Amino acid sequence: MADFEEICAWYAGERAKQVIAGLKGRQMNGYYAKDGHEACKLALSLIPEGSEVGLGGSMTVTQIGLLDALVSGNYNLHNQYERGIDREESLRCRTLGTQAEVYVSGCNAITLDGILINQDGTGNRVSAFCYGPQKVIHLVGYNKIVADIPEGLERIRLYAAPANAKRLELPTPCATDTVCTDCRSERRICNYTLIQEYSIFPDRTHVIIIGEVLGL
């Protein structure tokens, strides 16, 4: 009888195969990495040294060590999360990031047939997914895979948004009671929704599915 880890690895791999096939039909490139270490190496292989790199908010990028690798490597990184910078500089980095050669981020949800679903607070992340950078790389734990668009939107509303609001210590209702009330808080983080069904630019969008539970 297979043990728990073997079952999880099998499940993640099989789900990833379906997503990758769906991405291919939508003119997006899909990859599978068995763990964060492998995913980090794969992502770095897609980012030319010396290139300008923008960041989208992502726990996964940090968890797999990619952020540290970009900070210490030979890249022109627009890092809005750099310690010591003020809000004005952080916003400047976000803007420059949307115009960078390569944009690196996570993903809130992805359907089995390859549709990417994301919500954003300021809009810089979803705007870069649509247009600007020559290459967009998504790092996605297999826990983000959903059956369809409604399930993806529900995942964001009932889990990802409240959990991230709590993580960021935002004064939103969902950060207190975990329930989305479609609030009008000035600090709400679910203001812009992007459902990406296709890429009109070949080889622009790259999605690395990781065989681990990562991000929120």
Protein backbone atom coordinates (compact mmCIF):
# COMPACT_ATOMS: atom_id res chain seq x y z
CA MET A 1 0.00 0.00 0.00
CA ALA A 2 1.33 3.44 -0.98
CA ASP A 3 2.14 5.79 1.90
CA PHE A 4 0.69 9.26 2.37
CA GLU A 5 3.56 11.13 0.70
CA GLU A 6 3.44 8.85 -2.34
CA ILE A 7 -0.28 9.41 -2.73
CA CYS A 8 0.15 13.19 -2.45
CA ALA A 9 2.95 13.15 -5.04
CA TRP A 10 0.85 11.04 -7.41
CA TYR A 11 -2.17 13.30 -6.97
CA ALA A 12 -0.19 16.50 -7.52
CA GLY A 13 1.50 15.11 -10.61
CA GLU A 14 -1.72 13.90 -12.20
CA ARG A 15 -3.51 17.18 -11.56
CA ALA A 16 -0.55 19.08 -12.96
CA LYS A 17 -0.67 17.03 -16.18
CA GLN A 18 -4.25 18.13 -16.76
CA VAL A 19 -3.44 21.78 -16.11
CA ILE A 20 -0.38 21.72 -18.38
CA ALA A 21 -2.42 20.21 -21.21
CA GLY A 22 -5.02 22.94 -20.73
CA LEU A 23 -2.38 25.66 -20.75
CA LYS A 24 -0.91 24.37 -24.00
CA GLY A 25 -4.28 24.73 -25.73
CA ARG A 26 -4.44 28.33 -24.46
CA GLN A 27 -0.99 29.25 -25.86
CA MET A 28 0.62 29.26 -22.42
CA ASN A 29 3.55 27.11 -21.28
CA GLY A 30 3.13 24.74 -18.35
CA TYR A 31 5.76 22.88 -16.32
CA TYR A 32 5.76 20.57 -13.31
CA ALA A 33 8.29 20.70 -10.46
CA LYS A 34 8.10 18.11 -7.72
CA ASP A 35 9.12 20.57 -5.01
CA GLY A 36 10.06 24.19 -4.33
CA HIS A 37 13.79 23.65 -4.89
CA GLU A 38 13.18 22.24 -8.35
CA ALA A 39 10.68 25.01 -9.11
CA CYS A 40 13.19 27.69 -8.12
CA LYS A 41 15.85 26.25 -10.44
CA LEU A 42 13.34 26.00 -13.27
CA ALA A 43 12.16 29.58 -12.80
CA LEU A 44 15.72 30.90 -12.79
CA SER A 45 16.40 29.03 -16.05
CA LEU A 46 13.61 31.11 -17.62
CA ILE A 47 15.04 34.44 -16.40
CA PRO A 48 18.14 35.64 -18.31
CA GLU A 49 20.89 37.03 -16.11
CA GLY A 50 21.05 40.80 -16.20
CA SER A 51 17.37 41.13 -17.06
CA GLU A 52 14.96 43.57 -15.46
CA VAL A 53 12.55 41.73 -13.16
CA GLY A 54 9.27 42.82 -11.57
CA LEU A 55 7.47 41.15 -8.67
CA GLY A 56 3.86 40.42 -7.91
CA GLY A 57 2.82 39.80 -4.31
CA SER A 58 3.44 36.10 -3.64
CA MET A 59 4.20 33.97 -0.63
CA THR A 60 5.15 31.11 -2.95
CA VAL A 61 7.97 33.06 -4.61
CA THR A 62 9.42 33.64 -1.14
CA GLN A 63 8.78 30.12 0.17
CA ILE A 64 10.68 28.38 -2.64
CA GLY A 65 13.70 30.69 -2.28
CA LEU A 66 13.22 32.47 -5.59
CA LEU A 67 13.01 35.96 -4.09
CA ASP A 68 16.32 35.47 -2.26
CA ALA A 69 17.91 34.17 -5.47
CA LEU A 70 16.73 37.21 -7.41
CA VAL A 71 17.93 39.61 -4.71
CA SER A 72 21.40 38.03 -4.54
CA GLY A 73 21.74 37.26 -8.25
CA ASN A 74 22.68 39.28 -11.31
CA TYR A 75 19.28 40.84 -11.96
CA ASN A 76 17.84 44.35 -12.00
CA LEU A 77 15.06 43.60 -9.51
CA HIS A 78 12.29 46.05 -8.71
CA ASN A 79 11.61 44.85 -5.17
CA GLN A 80 8.71 46.69 -3.54
CA TYR A 81 9.22 44.57 -0.42
CA GLU A 82 12.81 45.65 0.24
CA ARG A 83 13.29 46.52 3.88
CA GLY A 84 13.74 50.17 4.70
CA ILE A 85 12.04 51.71 1.67
CA ASP A 86 9.09 54.05 2.15
CA ARG A 87 5.62 53.77 0.60
CA GLU A 88 6.48 56.10 -2.27
CA GLU A 89 9.48 53.98 -3.27
CA SER A 90 7.44 50.79 -2.91
CA LEU A 91 4.80 52.15 -5.29
CA ARG A 92 7.52 53.23 -7.71
CA CYS A 93 8.93 49.69 -7.72
CA ARG A 94 5.47 48.26 -8.39
CA THR A 95 5.03 50.59 -11.38
CA LEU A 96 8.47 49.82 -12.80
CA GLY A 97 7.83 46.13 -12.27
CA THR A 98 4.82 46.19 -14.59
CA GLN A 99 7.15 47.42 -17.34
CA ALA A 100 10.02 45.00 -16.66
CA GLU A 101 11.30 42.37 -19.08
CA VAL A 102 10.25 39.52 -16.77
CA TYR A 103 7.46 39.47 -14.20
CA VAL A 104 7.44 36.85 -11.43
CA SER A 105 4.42 36.10 -9.27
CA GLY A 106 2.15 33.49 -7.78
CA CYS A 107 -1.45 32.79 -8.71
CA ASN A 108 -4.64 32.72 -6.65
CA ALA A 109 -6.21 29.83 -8.54
CA ILE A 110 -5.85 27.87 -11.77
CA THR A 111 -8.46 25.59 -13.32
CA LEU A 112 -7.84 22.06 -14.48
CA ASP A 113 -8.21 23.25 -18.07
CA GLY A 114 -5.63 26.02 -17.68
CA ILE A 115 -7.51 29.23 -16.85
CA LEU A 116 -5.67 31.59 -14.48
CA ILE A 117 -7.77 33.42 -11.87
CA ASN A 118 -6.38 36.31 -9.84
CA GLN A 119 -7.61 39.17 -7.66
CA ASP A 120 -5.57 42.19 -6.73
CA GLY A 121 -5.65 45.12 -4.35
CA THR A 122 -3.80 47.83 -6.27
CA GLY A 123 -4.00 46.30 -9.77
CA ASN A 124 -0.29 46.29 -10.57
CA ARG A 125 -0.08 42.50 -10.51
CA VAL A 126 -3.05 41.74 -12.75
CA SER A 127 -2.12 44.54 -15.16
CA ALA A 128 1.33 42.99 -15.64
CA PHE A 129 -0.26 39.61 -16.29
CA CYS A 130 -2.21 41.20 -19.15
CA TYR A 131 0.34 43.44 -20.79
CA GLY A 132 3.78 44.97 -20.39
CA PRO A 133 6.48 42.46 -19.45
CA GLN A 134 7.85 40.28 -22.24
CA LYS A 135 7.62 37.21 -20.01
CA VAL A 136 5.38 36.34 -17.06
CA ILE A 137 6.25 33.44 -14.73
CA HIS A 138 3.66 32.07 -12.28
CA LEU A 139 4.73 29.81 -9.40
CA VAL A 140 1.75 27.75 -8.27
CA GLY A 141 1.42 25.16 -5.52
CA TYR A 142 -0.87 22.28 -6.51
CA ASN A 143 -3.28 23.37 -3.77
CA LYS A 144 -4.28 26.27 -6.05
CA ILE A 145 -5.76 23.93 -8.69
CA VAL A 146 -9.56 24.13 -8.91
CA ALA A 147 -12.21 22.50 -11.07
CA ASP A 148 -13.56 25.63 -12.75
CA ILE A 149 -13.88 29.43 -12.61
CA PRO A 150 -16.66 29.54 -9.97
CA GLU A 151 -14.61 27.33 -7.64
CA GLY A 152 -11.57 29.54 -8.23
CA LEU A 153 -13.45 32.72 -7.38
CA GLU A 154 -14.92 31.04 -4.30
CA ARG A 155 -11.45 29.94 -3.22
CA ILE A 156 -10.28 33.55 -3.33
CA ARG A 157 -13.34 34.95 -1.57
CA LEU A 158 -13.57 32.36 1.21
CA TYR A 159 -9.92 31.57 1.79
CA ALA A 160 -7.15 33.44 -0.05
CA ALA A 161 -8.43 36.99 0.49
CA PRO A 162 -9.28 36.65 4.22
CA ALA A 163 -6.06 34.74 4.94
CA ASN A 164 -3.90 37.27 3.11
CA ALA A 165 -5.70 40.18 4.77
CA LYS A 166 -4.92 38.59 8.14
CA ARG A 167 -1.30 37.96 7.12
CA LEU A 168 -0.88 41.60 6.10
CA GLU A 169 -2.68 42.82 9.24
CA LEU A 170 -5.21 44.80 7.26
CA PRO A 171 -8.24 46.38 9.00
CA THR A 172 -10.81 44.57 6.86
CA PRO A 173 -13.81 42.60 8.17
CA CYS A 174 -12.58 39.36 6.60
CA ALA A 175 -9.30 39.60 8.54
CA THR A 176 -11.38 39.35 11.70
CA ASP A 177 -14.15 36.89 10.94
CA THR A 178 -12.88 35.14 7.73
CA VAL A 179 -16.10 36.08 5.90
CA CYS A 180 -16.15 38.22 2.76
CA THR A 181 -18.85 40.88 3.04
CA ASP A 182 -17.97 42.81 -0.13
CA CYS A 183 -16.74 45.54 2.19
CA ARG A 184 -15.88 49.12 1.29
CA SER A 185 -12.70 49.21 3.33
CA GLU A 186 -9.97 51.45 1.94
CA ARG A 187 -7.53 48.59 2.52
CA ARG A 188 -9.52 45.79 0.86
CA ILE A 189 -7.36 43.56 -1.33
CA CYS A 190 -9.94 42.17 -3.76
CA ASN A 191 -10.55 45.19 -6.00
CA TYR A 192 -9.54 43.87 -9.42
CA THR A 193 -10.32 40.44 -10.86
CA LEU A 194 -8.57 38.89 -13.85
CA ILE A 195 -9.63 35.69 -15.57
CA GLN A 196 -7.04 34.79 -18.19
CA GLU A 197 -8.28 32.24 -20.71
CA TYR A 198 -5.66 32.65 -23.44
CA SER A 199 -2.40 34.39 -24.32
CA ILE A 200 -2.23 36.09 -27.70
CA PHE A 201 1.56 36.33 -27.32
CA PRO A 202 3.24 32.90 -27.73
CA ASP A 203 5.85 31.97 -25.08
CA ARG A 204 4.91 34.92 -22.89
CA THR A 205 3.08 33.19 -20.03
CA HIS A 206 4.86 30.40 -18.13
CA VAL A 207 3.19 28.48 -15.30
CA ILE A 208 5.18 26.22 -12.99
CA ILE A 209 2.95 23.85 -11.01
CA ILE A 210 4.70 22.68 -7.84
CA GLY A 211 3.98 19.40 -6.09
CA GLU A 212 3.74 21.04 -2.67
CA VAL A 213 1.15 23.00 -0.72
CA LEU A 214 2.38 26.57 -1.04
CA GLY A 215 0.98 30.06 -0.60
CA LEU A 216 -2.54 30.97 0.45
